[in-house]
């Protein structure tokens, strides 16, 4: 299945916003196997600067490993990688690597640009949320009209890390 069809299918079938491991794996598997999918990367002036094809990048990585460990030439090794159909298990492991990269890189304190796309220029940076009191709205009942009765409650929150999203 193509990346674009996978995304459309998930958008049509799923109304929730919560995380879904099965969908993550499906999207990653599509990215690794769809050699037609090429994401346009834009420069600062809004012009297409380059294209990224995750399937081609993966073939290059795997082809290099095959070539170096077996001694076969790089073109033949890359052809073997191209012909390989990445599995759900492969996709799951690639997601683990990708997530750990983001988590580890956030520890450096540097901004992680995700690359300029057609309608997005998003970066991530870790921030520390200091310890303190936060107010939350707590449901304490229901009135005669069926509406929630709420009160503001203050809770202590320990210092923790968060990620700030920067979008231009």
Protein backbone atom coordinates (compact mmCIF):
# COMPACT_ATOMS: atom_id res chain seq x y z
CA UNK A 1 0.00 0.00 0.00
CA UNK A 2 1.25 3.50 -0.77
CA UNK A 3 2.04 6.05 1.93
CA UNK A 4 -0.67 8.43 0.70
CA UNK A 5 -3.33 5.67 0.62
CA UNK A 6 -2.29 4.50 4.09
CA UNK A 7 -2.67 8.01 5.49
CA UNK A 8 -6.06 8.53 3.81
CA UNK A 9 -7.32 5.17 5.07
CA UNK A 10 -6.31 5.99 8.64
CA UNK A 11 -7.90 9.44 8.40
CA UNK A 12 -11.17 7.98 7.10
CA UNK A 13 -11.44 5.07 9.55
CA UNK A 14 -10.19 6.70 12.71
CA UNK A 15 -11.86 9.59 14.45
CA UNK A 16 -9.71 9.46 17.58
CA UNK A 17 -6.63 11.61 18.12
CA UNK A 18 -4.98 9.28 20.64
CA UNK A 19 -1.86 7.26 19.85
CA UNK A 20 -2.35 4.03 17.94
CA UNK A 21 0.60 1.62 17.69
CA UNK A 22 -0.99 -0.37 14.85
CA UNK A 23 -1.36 2.80 12.76
CA UNK A 24 2.22 3.86 13.55
CA UNK A 25 3.50 0.51 12.28
CA UNK A 26 1.31 0.65 9.18
CA UNK A 27 2.57 4.12 8.24
CA UNK A 28 6.21 3.18 8.86
CA UNK A 29 5.85 -0.02 6.85
CA UNK A 30 4.41 2.02 3.98
CA UNK A 31 7.27 4.52 4.20
CA UNK A 32 9.86 1.72 4.06
CA UNK A 33 8.25 -0.04 1.09
CA UNK A 34 6.80 2.76 -1.09
CA UNK A 35 9.50 3.74 -3.60
CA UNK A 36 7.10 6.14 -5.34
CA UNK A 37 6.60 8.32 -2.24
CA UNK A 38 8.88 11.33 -2.26
CA UNK A 39 8.40 14.15 0.23
CA UNK A 40 9.33 17.58 -1.16
CA UNK A 41 11.70 19.54 1.07
CA UNK A 42 11.42 23.32 0.69
CA UNK A 43 14.00 26.05 1.09
CA UNK A 44 13.45 29.31 2.97
CA UNK A 45 11.92 30.95 -0.12
CA UNK A 46 9.21 28.32 -0.63
CA UNK A 47 10.93 26.54 -3.53
CA UNK A 48 11.39 22.78 -3.66
CA UNK A 49 14.99 22.19 -2.66
CA UNK A 50 15.09 18.40 -2.61
CA UNK A 51 13.01 15.24 -2.30
CA UNK A 52 13.23 12.60 0.43
CA UNK A 53 12.25 9.00 -0.26
CA UNK A 54 12.44 6.96 2.96
CA UNK A 55 12.31 3.67 1.02
CA UNK A 56 15.32 4.68 -1.09
CA UNK A 57 17.21 5.83 2.01
CA UNK A 58 16.50 2.50 3.72
CA UNK A 59 17.61 0.58 0.61
CA UNK A 60 20.86 2.53 0.65
CA UNK A 61 21.49 1.72 4.33
CA UNK A 62 20.63 -1.97 3.99
CA UNK A 63 22.51 -2.23 0.67
CA UNK A 64 25.61 -0.82 2.33
CA UNK A 65 25.36 -3.36 5.13
CA UNK A 66 24.87 -6.23 2.69
CA UNK A 67 27.79 -5.07 0.54
CA UNK A 68 30.21 -4.64 3.44
CA UNK A 69 29.31 -7.92 5.17
CA UNK A 70 29.10 -10.16 2.08
CA UNK A 71 31.58 -8.53 -0.27
CA UNK A 72 29.11 -8.29 -3.18
CA UNK A 73 29.13 -5.05 -5.16
CA UNK A 74 27.05 -2.15 -3.92
CA UNK A 75 24.63 -2.07 -6.89
CA UNK A 76 23.74 -5.74 -6.44
CA UNK A 77 23.40 -5.25 -2.67
CA UNK A 78 21.10 -2.26 -3.14
CA UNK A 79 19.01 -4.28 -5.62
CA UNK A 80 18.57 -6.98 -2.95
CA UNK A 81 17.47 -4.31 -0.48
CA UNK A 82 15.09 -2.80 -3.08
CA UNK A 83 13.45 -6.19 -3.63
CA UNK A 84 12.99 -6.81 0.09
CA UNK A 85 9.48 -6.20 1.47
CA UNK A 86 9.79 -4.70 4.95
CA UNK A 87 7.57 -6.43 7.51
CA UNK A 88 5.52 -5.08 10.38
CA UNK A 89 8.26 -6.24 12.74
CA UNK A 90 10.87 -4.29 10.72
CA UNK A 91 8.62 -1.23 10.83
CA UNK A 92 8.13 -1.59 14.58
CA UNK A 93 11.90 -1.70 15.15
CA UNK A 94 12.41 1.33 12.92
CA UNK A 95 9.80 3.23 14.95
CA UNK A 96 11.70 2.31 18.13
CA UNK A 97 14.93 3.67 16.64
CA UNK A 98 13.19 6.83 15.41
CA UNK A 99 11.54 7.55 18.75
CA UNK A 100 14.73 6.93 20.68
CA UNK A 101 16.59 9.27 18.34
CA UNK A 102 14.10 12.07 19.09
CA UNK A 103 14.20 11.38 22.85
CA UNK A 104 18.01 11.23 22.90
CA UNK A 105 18.47 14.29 20.71
CA UNK A 106 16.09 16.30 22.89
CA UNK A 107 18.53 15.74 25.78
CA UNK A 108 21.16 17.82 23.92
CA UNK A 109 19.06 20.96 24.40
CA UNK A 110 19.26 21.72 20.69
CA UNK A 111 16.35 22.37 18.36
CA UNK A 112 15.37 19.46 16.08
CA UNK A 113 14.07 20.80 12.75
CA UNK A 114 11.73 18.31 11.07
CA UNK A 115 12.32 19.80 7.62
CA UNK A 116 10.36 22.36 5.66
CA UNK A 117 7.40 20.94 3.83
CA UNK A 118 4.66 22.46 1.66
CA UNK A 119 2.61 23.86 4.53
CA UNK A 120 4.83 23.19 7.52
CA UNK A 121 8.15 24.25 9.00
CA UNK A 122 8.16 22.54 12.38
CA UNK A 123 10.92 22.15 14.93
CA UNK A 124 11.00 20.55 18.37
CA UNK A 125 12.96 21.58 21.45
CA UNK A 126 12.95 20.18 24.97
CA UNK A 127 11.93 22.43 27.80
CA UNK A 128 11.91 21.96 31.56
CA UNK A 129 8.62 22.62 33.34
CA UNK A 130 9.45 23.79 36.86
CA UNK A 131 7.90 22.27 39.95
CA UNK A 132 4.86 24.19 41.15
CA UNK A 133 1.13 24.30 41.64
CA UNK A 134 -1.20 23.96 38.68
CA UNK A 135 -4.93 24.42 38.64
CA UNK A 136 -7.21 21.84 37.13
CA UNK A 137 -10.95 21.69 36.66
CA UNK A 138 -12.51 18.83 38.61
CA UNK A 139 -16.02 17.51 38.05
CA UNK A 140 -17.91 17.36 41.33
CA UNK A 141 -21.43 16.67 40.12
CA UNK A 142 -24.17 17.28 37.56
CA UNK A 143 -26.77 20.05 37.77
CA UNK A 144 -30.51 19.66 37.09
CA UNK A 145 -29.94 20.44 33.37
CA UNK A 146 -27.42 17.62 33.01
CA UNK A 147 -24.41 19.92 32.84
CA UNK A 148 -21.22 19.25 34.76
CA UNK A 149 -20.63 21.06 38.03
CA UNK A 150 -16.90 21.80 38.27
CA UNK A 151 -14.53 23.40 40.72
CA UNK A 152 -10.93 24.53 40.41
CA UNK A 153 -8.49 22.39 42.35
CA UNK A 154 -4.77 23.06 42.81
CA UNK A 155 -2.29 20.20 42.57
CA UNK A 156 1.46 20.02 43.07
CA UNK A 157 3.37 19.08 39.92
CA UNK A 158 6.97 17.87 40.04
CA UNK A 159 9.56 19.34 37.68
CA UNK A 160 9.40 17.49 34.37
CA UNK A 161 10.49 17.63 30.76
CA UNK A 162 8.25 18.57 27.90
CA UNK A 163 8.67 19.33 24.22
CA UNK A 164 7.92 22.72 22.75
CA UNK A 165 6.80 22.82 19.13
CA UNK A 166 8.01 25.72 17.02
CA UNK A 167 6.18 26.37 13.76
CA UNK A 168 6.75 29.21 11.32
